[in-house]
N, C-alpha and C. Protein backbone atom coordinates (compact mmCIF):
# COMPACT_ATOMS: atom_id res chain seq x y z
N MET A 1 120.45 141.99 128.98
CA MET A 1 119.79 141.68 127.69
C MET A 1 118.43 141.05 127.92
N LEU A 2 118.35 140.05 128.79
CA LEU A 2 117.07 139.37 129.04
C LEU A 2 116.04 140.36 129.55
N ARG A 3 116.45 141.18 130.50
CA ARG A 3 115.53 142.14 131.11
C ARG A 3 115.02 143.14 130.07
N GLU A 4 115.91 143.64 129.23
CA GLU A 4 115.53 144.63 128.23
C GLU A 4 114.54 144.05 127.22
N ILE A 5 114.80 142.83 126.77
CA ILE A 5 113.92 142.20 125.79
C ILE A 5 112.54 141.95 126.38
N LEU A 6 112.50 141.46 127.60
CA LEU A 6 111.20 141.20 128.24
C LEU A 6 110.44 142.50 128.47
N ALA A 7 111.13 143.53 128.91
CA ALA A 7 110.47 144.81 129.17
C ALA A 7 109.89 145.41 127.90
N ALA A 8 110.55 145.16 126.77
CA ALA A 8 110.11 145.73 125.50
C ALA A 8 108.95 144.96 124.88
N ASN A 9 108.75 143.71 125.31
CA ASN A 9 107.77 142.86 124.63
C ASN A 9 106.65 142.33 125.51
N ALA A 10 106.68 142.66 126.80
CA ALA A 10 105.62 142.19 127.70
C ALA A 10 105.38 143.23 128.77
N ASN A 11 104.16 143.31 129.25
CA ASN A 11 103.78 144.27 130.28
C ASN A 11 104.12 143.68 131.65
N LEU A 12 105.34 143.92 132.10
CA LEU A 12 105.84 143.31 133.33
C LEU A 12 106.32 144.37 134.30
N SER A 13 106.10 144.12 135.58
CA SER A 13 106.57 145.03 136.62
C SER A 13 108.07 144.79 136.88
N ALA A 14 108.69 145.69 137.63
CA ALA A 14 110.09 145.52 137.99
C ALA A 14 110.30 144.23 138.78
N ARG A 15 109.36 143.91 139.67
CA ARG A 15 109.47 142.67 140.44
C ARG A 15 109.40 141.45 139.52
N GLN A 16 108.51 141.48 138.55
CA GLN A 16 108.40 140.35 137.63
C GLN A 16 109.67 140.19 136.79
N LEU A 17 110.25 141.30 136.37
CA LEU A 17 111.50 141.25 135.62
C LEU A 17 112.62 140.67 136.49
N ASP A 18 112.63 141.05 137.76
CA ASP A 18 113.60 140.47 138.70
C ASP A 18 113.42 138.95 138.80
N GLN A 19 112.16 138.52 138.90
CA GLN A 19 111.87 137.09 139.01
C GLN A 19 112.31 136.32 137.77
N PHE A 20 112.11 136.90 136.60
CA PHE A 20 112.53 136.23 135.38
C PHE A 20 114.06 136.14 135.30
N GLU A 21 114.76 137.14 135.80
CA GLU A 21 116.22 137.07 135.83
C GLU A 21 116.69 135.97 136.78
N ILE A 22 116.05 135.86 137.93
CA ILE A 22 116.39 134.79 138.88
C ILE A 22 116.10 133.43 138.27
N PHE A 23 114.96 133.31 137.62
CA PHE A 23 114.57 132.05 136.97
C PHE A 23 115.61 131.67 135.91
N TYR A 24 116.02 132.62 135.11
CA TYR A 24 117.02 132.36 134.07
C TYR A 24 118.32 131.85 134.68
N ARG A 25 118.80 132.50 135.71
CA ARG A 25 120.06 132.08 136.34
C ARG A 25 119.94 130.68 136.92
N ALA A 26 118.77 130.39 137.51
CA ALA A 26 118.56 129.06 138.08
C ALA A 26 118.58 127.98 137.00
N VAL A 27 117.93 128.25 135.88
CA VAL A 27 117.92 127.28 134.78
C VAL A 27 119.35 127.04 134.28
N ILE A 28 120.12 128.11 134.11
CA ILE A 28 121.50 127.97 133.61
C ILE A 28 122.35 127.20 134.61
N ASP A 29 122.21 127.48 135.90
CA ASP A 29 122.99 126.77 136.92
C ASP A 29 122.65 125.29 136.95
N TRP A 30 121.36 124.97 136.97
CA TRP A 30 120.94 123.57 137.03
C TRP A 30 121.22 122.84 135.73
N ASN A 31 121.28 123.58 134.64
CA ASN A 31 121.51 122.96 133.33
C ASN A 31 122.88 122.29 133.25
N GLU A 32 123.79 122.68 134.14
CA GLU A 32 125.10 122.04 134.19
C GLU A 32 125.02 120.66 134.84
N LYS A 33 123.95 120.43 135.60
CA LYS A 33 123.80 119.15 136.31
C LYS A 33 122.80 118.22 135.62
N ILE A 34 121.73 118.78 135.10
CA ILE A 34 120.72 117.98 134.40
C ILE A 34 120.33 118.70 133.11
N ASN A 35 119.85 117.94 132.15
CA ASN A 35 119.51 118.52 130.85
C ASN A 35 118.14 119.20 130.92
N LEU A 36 118.14 120.52 131.03
CA LEU A 36 116.90 121.28 131.09
C LEU A 36 116.56 121.93 129.76
N THR A 37 117.56 122.51 129.10
CA THR A 37 117.31 123.23 127.86
C THR A 37 118.58 123.38 127.04
N ALA A 38 118.43 123.41 125.72
CA ALA A 38 119.55 123.70 124.85
C ALA A 38 119.67 125.20 124.59
N ILE A 39 118.66 125.95 125.03
CA ILE A 39 118.63 127.40 124.84
C ILE A 39 119.17 128.07 126.08
N THR A 40 120.39 128.60 125.99
CA THR A 40 121.03 129.15 127.19
C THR A 40 121.38 130.64 127.07
N GLY A 41 121.44 131.17 125.87
CA GLY A 41 121.72 132.60 125.72
C GLY A 41 120.58 133.44 126.24
N ALA A 42 120.89 134.59 126.83
CA ALA A 42 119.87 135.42 127.46
C ALA A 42 118.80 135.88 126.48
N GLU A 43 119.21 136.30 125.28
CA GLU A 43 118.24 136.78 124.30
C GLU A 43 117.32 135.64 123.84
N ASP A 44 117.90 134.51 123.50
CA ASP A 44 117.10 133.37 123.06
C ASP A 44 116.19 132.87 124.17
N PHE A 45 116.70 132.85 125.39
CA PHE A 45 115.88 132.41 126.52
C PHE A 45 114.68 133.33 126.69
N ALA A 46 114.91 134.63 126.61
CA ALA A 46 113.82 135.60 126.78
C ALA A 46 112.75 135.41 125.72
N ILE A 47 113.18 135.21 124.48
CA ILE A 47 112.22 135.13 123.37
C ILE A 47 111.60 133.74 123.24
N LYS A 48 112.47 132.73 123.15
CA LYS A 48 112.01 131.39 122.81
C LYS A 48 111.42 130.63 123.99
N HIS A 49 111.72 131.07 125.20
CA HIS A 49 111.14 130.41 126.37
C HIS A 49 110.09 131.30 127.06
N VAL A 50 110.51 132.48 127.50
CA VAL A 50 109.60 133.30 128.32
C VAL A 50 108.49 133.93 127.48
N ILE A 51 108.85 134.69 126.46
CA ILE A 51 107.83 135.35 125.64
C ILE A 51 106.96 134.31 124.96
N ASP A 52 107.57 133.26 124.46
CA ASP A 52 106.80 132.17 123.85
C ASP A 52 105.79 131.60 124.84
N SER A 53 106.20 131.38 126.07
CA SER A 53 105.28 130.85 127.09
C SER A 53 104.11 131.79 127.33
N LEU A 54 104.38 133.08 127.34
CA LEU A 54 103.33 134.06 127.63
C LEU A 54 102.33 134.21 126.49
N THR A 55 102.68 133.74 125.28
CA THR A 55 101.74 133.85 124.17
C THR A 55 100.49 132.99 124.39
N VAL A 56 100.58 132.01 125.28
CA VAL A 56 99.42 131.13 125.52
C VAL A 56 98.30 131.88 126.24
N TRP A 57 98.64 132.96 126.95
CA TRP A 57 97.64 133.64 127.78
C TRP A 57 96.75 134.55 126.93
N ASP A 58 95.46 134.32 127.04
CA ASP A 58 94.46 135.14 126.36
C ASP A 58 93.60 135.79 127.44
N GLU A 59 93.73 137.10 127.60
CA GLU A 59 93.08 137.80 128.71
C GLU A 59 91.57 137.63 128.69
N ASN A 60 90.95 137.66 127.53
CA ASN A 60 89.50 137.53 127.44
C ASN A 60 89.07 136.08 127.65
N LYS A 61 89.73 135.18 126.99
CA LYS A 61 89.36 133.76 127.08
C LYS A 61 89.59 133.21 128.49
N PHE A 62 90.60 133.72 129.18
CA PHE A 62 90.99 133.17 130.47
C PHE A 62 90.51 134.02 131.66
N ALA A 63 89.48 134.82 131.45
CA ALA A 63 89.02 135.72 132.51
C ALA A 63 88.68 135.00 133.80
N GLY A 64 88.13 133.78 133.71
CA GLY A 64 87.75 133.05 134.91
C GLY A 64 88.74 132.00 135.36
N VAL A 65 89.92 131.98 134.75
CA VAL A 65 90.90 130.93 135.06
C VAL A 65 91.56 131.20 136.41
N ARG A 66 91.49 130.19 137.28
CA ARG A 66 92.13 130.27 138.60
C ARG A 66 93.04 129.08 138.87
N LYS A 67 92.72 127.92 138.30
CA LYS A 67 93.51 126.71 138.53
C LYS A 67 94.05 126.19 137.19
N ILE A 68 95.37 126.01 137.15
CA ILE A 68 96.05 125.59 135.93
C ILE A 68 96.89 124.35 136.23
N ILE A 69 96.97 123.45 135.26
CA ILE A 69 97.98 122.38 135.32
C ILE A 69 98.78 122.44 134.03
N ASP A 70 100.10 122.41 134.17
CA ASP A 70 101.00 122.41 133.02
C ASP A 70 101.57 121.00 132.88
N VAL A 71 101.14 120.32 131.84
CA VAL A 71 101.47 118.90 131.64
C VAL A 71 102.77 118.76 130.85
N GLY A 72 103.71 117.98 131.40
CA GLY A 72 105.00 117.83 130.77
C GLY A 72 105.79 119.13 130.79
N THR A 73 105.81 119.77 131.93
CA THR A 73 106.33 121.13 132.05
C THR A 73 107.83 121.25 131.81
N GLY A 74 108.58 120.16 131.96
CA GLY A 74 110.03 120.23 131.73
C GLY A 74 110.72 121.16 132.69
N ALA A 75 111.36 122.19 132.16
CA ALA A 75 112.04 123.19 132.99
C ALA A 75 111.08 124.27 133.50
N GLY A 76 109.77 124.03 133.30
CA GLY A 76 108.78 124.97 133.82
C GLY A 76 108.12 125.84 132.80
N PHE A 77 108.06 125.38 131.55
CA PHE A 77 107.45 126.17 130.47
C PHE A 77 106.21 125.50 129.93
N PRO A 78 105.10 126.23 129.84
CA PRO A 78 104.93 127.65 130.13
C PRO A 78 104.56 127.98 131.59
N GLY A 79 104.53 126.96 132.45
CA GLY A 79 103.94 127.13 133.78
C GLY A 79 104.53 128.23 134.64
N ILE A 80 105.85 128.25 134.78
CA ILE A 80 106.46 129.25 135.66
C ILE A 80 106.32 130.66 135.09
N PRO A 81 106.58 130.90 133.80
CA PRO A 81 106.29 132.24 133.28
C PRO A 81 104.84 132.67 133.48
N LEU A 82 103.90 131.74 133.32
CA LEU A 82 102.50 132.10 133.55
C LEU A 82 102.25 132.47 135.00
N LYS A 83 102.88 131.76 135.93
CA LYS A 83 102.70 132.05 137.36
C LYS A 83 103.31 133.41 137.71
N ILE A 84 104.47 133.71 137.16
CA ILE A 84 105.08 135.02 137.41
C ILE A 84 104.21 136.13 136.82
N PHE A 85 103.70 135.89 135.62
CA PHE A 85 102.86 136.88 134.92
C PHE A 85 101.52 137.07 135.59
N LYS A 86 100.94 135.96 136.09
CA LYS A 86 99.63 136.00 136.75
C LYS A 86 99.75 135.36 138.13
N PRO A 87 100.32 136.07 139.11
CA PRO A 87 100.61 135.47 140.41
C PRO A 87 99.38 135.00 141.18
N GLU A 88 98.19 135.48 140.78
CA GLU A 88 96.97 135.10 141.51
C GLU A 88 96.50 133.69 141.18
N VAL A 89 96.98 133.08 140.10
CA VAL A 89 96.51 131.75 139.73
C VAL A 89 97.21 130.68 140.58
N GLU A 90 96.54 129.54 140.74
CA GLU A 90 97.15 128.36 141.34
C GLU A 90 97.59 127.44 140.20
N ILE A 91 98.75 126.84 140.34
CA ILE A 91 99.26 126.05 139.23
C ILE A 91 99.94 124.77 139.70
N VAL A 92 99.69 123.70 138.97
CA VAL A 92 100.38 122.43 139.18
C VAL A 92 101.35 122.24 138.02
N LEU A 93 102.61 121.96 138.36
CA LEU A 93 103.64 121.68 137.37
C LEU A 93 103.89 120.18 137.38
N LEU A 94 103.52 119.51 136.30
CA LEU A 94 103.61 118.05 136.23
C LEU A 94 104.71 117.63 135.27
N ASP A 95 105.61 116.76 135.76
CA ASP A 95 106.65 116.22 134.89
C ASP A 95 106.97 114.79 135.30
N SER A 96 107.38 113.97 134.32
CA SER A 96 107.62 112.56 134.57
C SER A 96 109.04 112.26 135.05
N LEU A 97 109.92 113.27 135.03
CA LEU A 97 111.31 113.07 135.45
C LEU A 97 111.56 113.70 136.81
N ASP A 98 111.94 112.89 137.77
CA ASP A 98 112.10 113.35 139.14
C ASP A 98 113.16 114.45 139.27
N LYS A 99 114.23 114.36 138.50
CA LYS A 99 115.28 115.38 138.58
C LYS A 99 114.75 116.75 138.19
N ARG A 100 113.90 116.79 137.18
CA ARG A 100 113.33 118.07 136.78
C ARG A 100 112.37 118.60 137.84
N VAL A 101 111.63 117.72 138.48
CA VAL A 101 110.71 118.15 139.54
C VAL A 101 111.50 118.73 140.71
N LYS A 102 112.65 118.15 141.03
CA LYS A 102 113.49 118.70 142.09
C LYS A 102 113.96 120.11 141.72
N PHE A 103 114.32 120.30 140.46
CA PHE A 103 114.66 121.65 140.01
C PHE A 103 113.49 122.60 140.17
N LEU A 104 112.31 122.17 139.75
CA LEU A 104 111.12 123.02 139.83
C LEU A 104 110.83 123.43 141.27
N LYS A 105 110.94 122.48 142.19
CA LYS A 105 110.71 122.80 143.61
C LYS A 105 111.72 123.82 144.11
N SER A 106 112.96 123.66 143.68
CA SER A 106 114.02 124.59 144.10
C SER A 106 113.76 126.00 143.58
N VAL A 107 113.39 126.11 142.30
CA VAL A 107 113.20 127.45 141.72
C VAL A 107 111.92 128.10 142.25
N VAL A 108 110.89 127.31 142.52
CA VAL A 108 109.67 127.86 143.11
C VAL A 108 109.97 128.45 144.49
N GLU A 109 110.81 127.75 145.25
CA GLU A 109 111.21 128.26 146.57
C GLU A 109 112.06 129.52 146.44
N GLU A 110 113.00 129.50 145.49
CA GLU A 110 113.88 130.65 145.30
C GLU A 110 113.10 131.88 144.87
N LEU A 111 112.07 131.67 144.06
CA LEU A 111 111.24 132.78 143.59
C LEU A 111 110.16 133.18 144.59
N ASN A 112 110.04 132.40 145.66
CA ASN A 112 109.04 132.66 146.70
C ASN A 112 107.63 132.69 146.12
N LEU A 113 107.34 131.69 145.27
CA LEU A 113 106.02 131.60 144.64
C LEU A 113 105.09 130.77 145.52
N SER A 114 103.90 131.28 145.77
CA SER A 114 102.89 130.52 146.51
C SER A 114 101.85 129.99 145.53
N GLY A 115 101.13 128.96 145.96
CA GLY A 115 100.10 128.41 145.09
C GLY A 115 100.65 127.61 143.93
N VAL A 116 101.83 126.99 144.12
CA VAL A 116 102.44 126.16 143.09
C VAL A 116 102.71 124.77 143.67
N GLU A 117 102.27 123.74 142.96
CA GLU A 117 102.53 122.35 143.36
C GLU A 117 103.34 121.68 142.25
N CYS A 118 104.47 121.12 142.61
CA CYS A 118 105.33 120.43 141.66
C CYS A 118 105.13 118.93 141.85
N VAL A 119 104.70 118.25 140.80
CA VAL A 119 104.30 116.84 140.92
C VAL A 119 105.13 115.98 139.97
N HIS A 120 105.69 114.91 140.54
CA HIS A 120 106.41 113.91 139.73
C HIS A 120 105.43 112.80 139.36
N GLY A 121 105.20 112.60 138.07
CA GLY A 121 104.28 111.56 137.65
C GLY A 121 103.99 111.64 136.17
N ARG A 122 103.24 110.65 135.69
CA ARG A 122 102.83 110.62 134.29
C ARG A 122 101.39 111.06 134.18
N ALA A 123 101.09 111.80 133.14
CA ALA A 123 99.73 112.30 132.95
C ALA A 123 98.72 111.16 132.87
N GLU A 124 99.13 110.04 132.24
CA GLU A 124 98.21 108.91 132.09
C GLU A 124 97.76 108.36 133.43
N ASP A 125 98.60 108.49 134.44
CA ASP A 125 98.26 108.00 135.78
C ASP A 125 97.54 109.08 136.60
N LEU A 126 98.12 110.28 136.63
CA LEU A 126 97.58 111.35 137.48
C LEU A 126 96.18 111.76 137.05
N ALA A 127 95.88 111.65 135.77
CA ALA A 127 94.56 112.06 135.28
C ALA A 127 93.44 111.15 135.77
N HIS A 128 93.78 110.00 136.37
CA HIS A 128 92.77 109.13 136.97
C HIS A 128 92.65 109.35 138.48
N ASP A 129 93.45 110.25 139.02
CA ASP A 129 93.39 110.60 140.44
C ASP A 129 92.28 111.62 140.64
N LYS A 130 91.35 111.34 141.54
CA LYS A 130 90.19 112.21 141.73
C LYS A 130 90.58 113.62 142.19
N ASN A 131 91.79 113.78 142.74
CA ASN A 131 92.23 115.09 143.19
C ASN A 131 92.69 115.98 142.02
N TYR A 132 92.88 115.37 140.87
CA TYR A 132 93.36 116.10 139.70
C TYR A 132 92.43 116.00 138.49
N ARG A 133 91.70 114.92 138.40
CA ARG A 133 90.86 114.71 137.21
C ARG A 133 89.72 115.73 137.14
N GLU A 134 89.63 116.40 136.02
CA GLU A 134 88.59 117.39 135.75
C GLU A 134 88.48 118.44 136.86
N ARG A 135 89.64 118.92 137.31
CA ARG A 135 89.70 119.91 138.39
C ARG A 135 90.21 121.28 137.93
N PHE A 136 90.61 121.40 136.66
CA PHE A 136 91.35 122.60 136.26
C PHE A 136 90.60 123.45 135.24
N ASP A 137 90.75 124.77 135.41
CA ASP A 137 90.16 125.72 134.46
C ASP A 137 90.96 125.75 133.16
N LEU A 138 92.25 125.53 133.28
CA LEU A 138 93.14 125.60 132.12
C LEU A 138 94.19 124.50 132.22
N VAL A 139 94.38 123.79 131.11
CA VAL A 139 95.43 122.77 131.01
C VAL A 139 96.34 123.19 129.87
N THR A 140 97.65 123.31 130.16
CA THR A 140 98.59 123.74 129.14
C THR A 140 99.60 122.64 128.83
N ALA A 141 100.14 122.68 127.62
CA ALA A 141 101.21 121.76 127.23
C ALA A 141 102.01 122.42 126.12
N ARG A 142 103.31 122.24 126.17
CA ARG A 142 104.21 122.88 125.19
C ARG A 142 105.19 121.83 124.67
N ALA A 143 105.10 121.56 123.37
CA ALA A 143 106.06 120.67 122.70
C ALA A 143 106.19 119.32 123.39
N VAL A 144 105.06 118.73 123.76
CA VAL A 144 105.08 117.43 124.44
C VAL A 144 104.88 116.29 123.46
N ALA A 145 103.87 116.39 122.60
CA ALA A 145 103.55 115.33 121.64
C ALA A 145 102.62 115.92 120.59
N ARG A 146 102.30 115.14 119.56
CA ARG A 146 101.35 115.60 118.56
C ARG A 146 99.98 115.81 119.21
N LEU A 147 99.16 116.63 118.58
CA LEU A 147 97.93 117.08 119.22
C LEU A 147 96.98 115.95 119.59
N ASN A 148 96.86 114.92 118.73
CA ASN A 148 95.93 113.84 119.07
C ASN A 148 96.42 113.02 120.25
N VAL A 149 97.72 113.05 120.52
CA VAL A 149 98.28 112.36 121.69
C VAL A 149 98.17 113.23 122.93
N ILE A 150 98.62 114.48 122.81
CA ILE A 150 98.61 115.37 123.98
C ILE A 150 97.19 115.68 124.44
N ALA A 151 96.23 115.64 123.53
CA ALA A 151 94.83 115.84 123.93
C ALA A 151 94.39 114.76 124.91
N GLU A 152 94.85 113.53 124.69
CA GLU A 152 94.48 112.44 125.61
C GLU A 152 95.14 112.62 126.97
N TYR A 153 96.33 113.18 126.99
CA TYR A 153 96.99 113.47 128.27
C TYR A 153 96.29 114.61 129.01
N CYS A 154 95.85 115.62 128.27
CA CYS A 154 95.45 116.89 128.89
C CYS A 154 93.95 117.07 129.13
N LEU A 155 93.11 116.71 128.17
CA LEU A 155 91.68 116.99 128.32
C LEU A 155 91.06 116.34 129.57
N PRO A 156 91.51 115.17 130.02
CA PRO A 156 90.93 114.61 131.25
C PRO A 156 91.16 115.49 132.50
N PHE A 157 92.16 116.36 132.47
CA PHE A 157 92.40 117.25 133.61
C PHE A 157 91.47 118.46 133.61
N ALA A 158 90.94 118.82 132.45
CA ALA A 158 90.11 120.03 132.34
C ALA A 158 88.69 119.75 132.82
N LYS A 159 88.18 120.64 133.63
CA LYS A 159 86.78 120.51 134.05
C LYS A 159 85.88 120.92 132.89
N THR A 160 84.64 120.48 132.91
CA THR A 160 83.69 120.91 131.88
C THR A 160 83.55 122.43 131.95
N GLY A 161 83.72 123.07 130.83
CA GLY A 161 83.77 124.53 130.81
C GLY A 161 85.18 125.07 130.85
N GLY A 162 86.15 124.19 131.08
CA GLY A 162 87.55 124.59 131.09
C GLY A 162 88.14 124.61 129.69
N ILE A 163 89.45 124.86 129.62
CA ILE A 163 90.13 125.03 128.34
C ILE A 163 91.44 124.25 128.33
N PHE A 164 91.71 123.59 127.21
CA PHE A 164 93.00 122.97 126.95
C PHE A 164 93.72 123.85 125.94
N ALA A 165 94.97 124.24 126.24
CA ALA A 165 95.75 125.10 125.35
C ALA A 165 97.07 124.44 125.04
N ALA A 166 97.30 124.14 123.77
CA ALA A 166 98.54 123.49 123.33
C ALA A 166 99.35 124.45 122.48
N MET A 167 100.64 124.54 122.77
CA MET A 167 101.53 125.41 122.02
C MET A 167 102.20 124.57 120.94
N LYS A 168 102.10 125.01 119.69
CA LYS A 168 102.54 124.20 118.56
C LYS A 168 103.41 124.99 117.58
N GLY A 169 104.23 124.24 116.82
CA GLY A 169 105.10 124.84 115.81
C GLY A 169 104.43 124.93 114.45
N LYS A 170 105.26 124.97 113.42
CA LYS A 170 104.77 125.29 112.07
C LYS A 170 103.83 124.25 111.48
N ASN A 171 103.83 123.02 112.00
CA ASN A 171 102.97 121.96 111.46
C ASN A 171 101.61 121.88 112.17
N PHE A 172 101.20 122.97 112.81
CA PHE A 172 100.00 122.92 113.64
C PHE A 172 98.74 122.60 112.84
N ARG A 173 98.65 123.05 111.60
CA ARG A 173 97.44 122.78 110.80
C ARG A 173 97.30 121.28 110.54
N GLU A 174 98.41 120.63 110.23
CA GLU A 174 98.40 119.18 110.00
C GLU A 174 97.97 118.44 111.27
N GLU A 175 98.45 118.90 112.41
CA GLU A 175 98.10 118.25 113.68
C GLU A 175 96.62 118.45 114.00
N ILE A 176 96.10 119.63 113.72
CA ILE A 176 94.67 119.88 113.95
C ILE A 176 93.83 118.94 113.10
N ALA A 177 94.22 118.76 111.85
CA ALA A 177 93.45 117.92 110.93
C ALA A 177 93.36 116.48 111.41
N GLU A 178 94.42 115.98 112.05
CA GLU A 178 94.42 114.59 112.48
C GLU A 178 93.87 114.40 113.90
N ALA A 179 93.57 115.51 114.61
CA ALA A 179 93.18 115.42 116.01
C ALA A 179 91.68 115.55 116.26
N GLY A 180 90.90 115.81 115.21
CA GLY A 180 89.47 116.07 115.40
C GLY A 180 88.73 114.96 116.10
N VAL A 181 88.97 113.72 115.70
CA VAL A 181 88.28 112.57 116.31
C VAL A 181 88.68 112.44 117.77
N ALA A 182 89.97 112.54 118.07
CA ALA A 182 90.45 112.40 119.43
C ALA A 182 89.83 113.44 120.35
N VAL A 183 89.83 114.69 119.90
CA VAL A 183 89.29 115.78 120.72
C VAL A 183 87.82 115.54 121.03
N LYS A 184 87.06 115.09 120.03
CA LYS A 184 85.63 114.84 120.25
C LYS A 184 85.42 113.70 121.24
N ILE A 185 86.14 112.60 121.09
CA ILE A 185 86.03 111.46 122.01
C ILE A 185 86.32 111.87 123.44
N LEU A 186 87.30 112.75 123.62
CA LEU A 186 87.79 113.11 124.95
C LEU A 186 86.99 114.22 125.62
N GLY A 187 85.95 114.71 124.95
CA GLY A 187 85.09 115.72 125.56
C GLY A 187 85.36 117.14 125.13
N GLY A 188 86.22 117.30 124.12
CA GLY A 188 86.52 118.63 123.63
C GLY A 188 85.55 119.10 122.57
N GLY A 189 85.51 120.40 122.39
CA GLY A 189 84.64 121.00 121.38
C GLY A 189 85.45 121.47 120.18
N GLU A 190 85.10 122.63 119.68
CA GLU A 190 85.77 123.18 118.50
C GLU A 190 87.26 123.44 118.77
N ILE A 191 88.08 123.17 117.77
CA ILE A 191 89.52 123.45 117.87
C ILE A 191 89.79 124.81 117.23
N LEU A 192 90.33 125.72 118.03
CA LEU A 192 90.63 127.07 117.55
C LEU A 192 92.14 127.28 117.57
N SER A 193 92.71 127.72 116.45
CA SER A 193 94.15 128.01 116.41
C SER A 193 94.36 129.51 116.25
N VAL A 194 95.34 130.02 116.99
CA VAL A 194 95.70 131.44 116.91
C VAL A 194 97.20 131.51 116.60
N GLU A 195 97.52 132.05 115.42
CA GLU A 195 98.93 132.14 115.03
C GLU A 195 99.65 133.18 115.88
N LYS A 196 100.93 132.87 116.19
CA LYS A 196 101.75 133.74 117.02
C LYS A 196 103.09 133.97 116.33
N ASN A 197 103.60 135.18 116.50
CA ASN A 197 104.94 135.51 116.02
C ASN A 197 105.78 135.97 117.20
N LEU A 198 107.03 135.52 117.25
CA LEU A 198 107.94 135.94 118.30
C LEU A 198 108.92 136.97 117.76
N PRO A 199 109.38 137.89 118.60
CA PRO A 199 110.31 138.94 118.14
C PRO A 199 111.55 138.35 117.46
N ASN A 200 111.89 138.89 116.31
CA ASN A 200 113.12 138.55 115.59
C ASN A 200 113.17 137.12 115.06
N LEU A 201 112.03 136.43 115.06
CA LEU A 201 112.00 135.06 114.54
C LEU A 201 111.02 135.00 113.37
N PRO A 202 111.43 134.41 112.25
CA PRO A 202 110.59 134.40 111.06
C PRO A 202 109.51 133.33 111.07
N ASP A 203 109.72 132.27 111.83
CA ASP A 203 108.78 131.15 111.77
C ASP A 203 107.47 131.45 112.47
N ILE A 204 106.41 130.86 111.94
CA ILE A 204 105.08 131.03 112.53
C ILE A 204 104.78 129.84 113.43
N ARG A 205 104.18 130.11 114.55
CA ARG A 205 103.73 129.06 115.46
C ARG A 205 102.30 129.38 115.86
N ALA A 206 101.70 128.56 116.68
CA ALA A 206 100.30 128.79 117.05
C ALA A 206 100.00 128.24 118.43
N VAL A 207 99.01 128.84 119.05
CA VAL A 207 98.42 128.26 120.25
C VAL A 207 97.07 127.69 119.84
N ILE A 208 96.85 126.44 120.19
CA ILE A 208 95.60 125.75 119.86
C ILE A 208 94.75 125.68 121.13
N TYR A 209 93.53 126.19 121.04
CA TYR A 209 92.62 126.21 122.19
C TYR A 209 91.46 125.25 121.93
N VAL A 210 91.15 124.44 122.94
CA VAL A 210 90.02 123.51 122.86
C VAL A 210 89.18 123.68 124.11
N ASP A 211 87.90 124.02 123.95
CA ASP A 211 86.99 124.10 125.09
C ASP A 211 86.57 122.69 125.50
N LYS A 212 86.50 122.47 126.80
CA LYS A 212 86.02 121.18 127.32
C LYS A 212 84.49 121.30 127.44
N VAL A 213 83.76 120.56 126.60
CA VAL A 213 82.31 120.72 126.54
C VAL A 213 81.55 119.61 127.25
N LYS A 214 82.23 118.49 127.51
CA LYS A 214 81.59 117.40 128.27
C LYS A 214 82.65 116.57 128.96
N SER A 215 82.23 115.78 129.93
CA SER A 215 83.16 114.99 130.72
C SER A 215 83.88 113.96 129.86
N THR A 216 85.15 113.74 130.14
CA THR A 216 85.93 112.72 129.44
C THR A 216 85.51 111.33 129.91
N PRO A 217 85.28 110.38 128.99
CA PRO A 217 84.96 109.01 129.40
C PRO A 217 86.00 108.45 130.37
N LYS A 218 85.55 107.64 131.31
CA LYS A 218 86.40 107.18 132.41
C LYS A 218 87.60 106.36 131.96
N ASN A 219 87.51 105.73 130.80
CA ASN A 219 88.63 104.88 130.35
C ASN A 219 89.78 105.67 129.72
N PHE A 220 89.65 107.00 129.67
CA PHE A 220 90.74 107.84 129.14
C PHE A 220 91.31 108.71 130.24
N PRO A 221 92.63 108.95 130.23
CA PRO A 221 93.60 108.43 129.28
C PRO A 221 93.87 106.94 129.49
N ARG A 222 94.31 106.30 128.42
CA ARG A 222 94.66 104.89 128.51
C ARG A 222 95.99 104.71 129.26
N LYS A 223 96.40 103.48 129.48
CA LYS A 223 97.59 103.19 130.27
C LYS A 223 98.82 103.88 129.70
N ALA A 224 99.79 104.11 130.57
CA ALA A 224 101.02 104.80 130.19
C ALA A 224 101.65 104.17 128.95
N GLY A 225 101.95 105.01 127.98
CA GLY A 225 102.59 104.57 126.76
C GLY A 225 101.64 104.28 125.62
N VAL A 226 100.40 103.94 125.94
CA VAL A 226 99.45 103.56 124.90
C VAL A 226 99.05 104.75 124.01
N PRO A 227 98.74 105.91 124.56
CA PRO A 227 98.37 107.04 123.69
C PRO A 227 99.41 107.36 122.62
N ALA A 228 100.68 107.30 123.01
CA ALA A 228 101.75 107.62 122.05
C ALA A 228 101.91 106.52 121.00
N LYS A 229 101.75 105.27 121.41
CA LYS A 229 101.93 104.15 120.47
C LYS A 229 100.69 103.96 119.59
N ASN A 230 99.53 104.26 120.10
CA ASN A 230 98.29 104.02 119.37
C ASN A 230 97.36 105.24 119.51
N PRO A 231 97.70 106.35 118.85
CA PRO A 231 96.92 107.59 119.01
C PRO A 231 95.48 107.41 118.53
N LEU A 232 94.58 108.12 119.18
CA LEU A 232 93.19 108.14 118.73
C LEU A 232 93.10 108.82 117.37
N ARG A 233 92.34 108.21 116.46
CA ARG A 233 92.20 108.79 115.11
C ARG A 233 90.75 108.69 114.67
C-alpha cells in the first residue's frame, strides 16, 4: 500500500521506493520502544508523513540548495524524505530528545545515507555555534511551534540568501499575520505562503517560505525556553 501510494503521487525511483519502505518499517519497529508517531498505518504514513514532507520542496526556488538543516525533526520529517528524494543534498537532523536522535542515527545507517548528520540539541543553543549559525541554504521545520516562535529558532541557521520553510496547518494565515515583526527582526524578508493539498484529505495546509535577506542579530535566538514563553511580536 505504501509503495503504491508513493509511486502514484511522487516521481520516485524503485530504489527510493525501497528506501521509503525500509524507513516505514524502522519507524514502526522503534515506535514500540519510543514515541515517534501516532500515524502507523501504511496509507496514512505515506500521505501524512512522506508526501506531506515532500510538499516543502520547490524545484525552482531550491535550485541552489545544497545544505539543509531540519529543526525539531522528530522521527525525521521532513528531513529524511527530503534526503531520499534529493540524495545530493547534505542535511543536518536536529532534535532535542536523545532517544529520537539515536533512532535517526540507526535509520540513516540502515538506509545507507551519506551526507547526513544527526544532532542532539536545542535550536536556541546550536544556532549560536559558529559551525551551524548562518551556514544553511535551507532551514525546514514541521509542526514545531507557531511561526513567530519557530522563526526565531530557524532563521539564525539560514545564511543570507538562504530560505526558511515552515510547514503549517489550516491556521497558517493567522500565524503569518502575527509573525511579521519577528521575521523582520530576525533578518527575514517577505513571507510567502503556498497552499498544499494531500491525496484523499480535505483539509488545506501550506508551506511558508521566508527569504533570509540580512544577517540575524547576534542576540537571537534568545536563551532556551524564552522564545516560546515570550514570542517576538
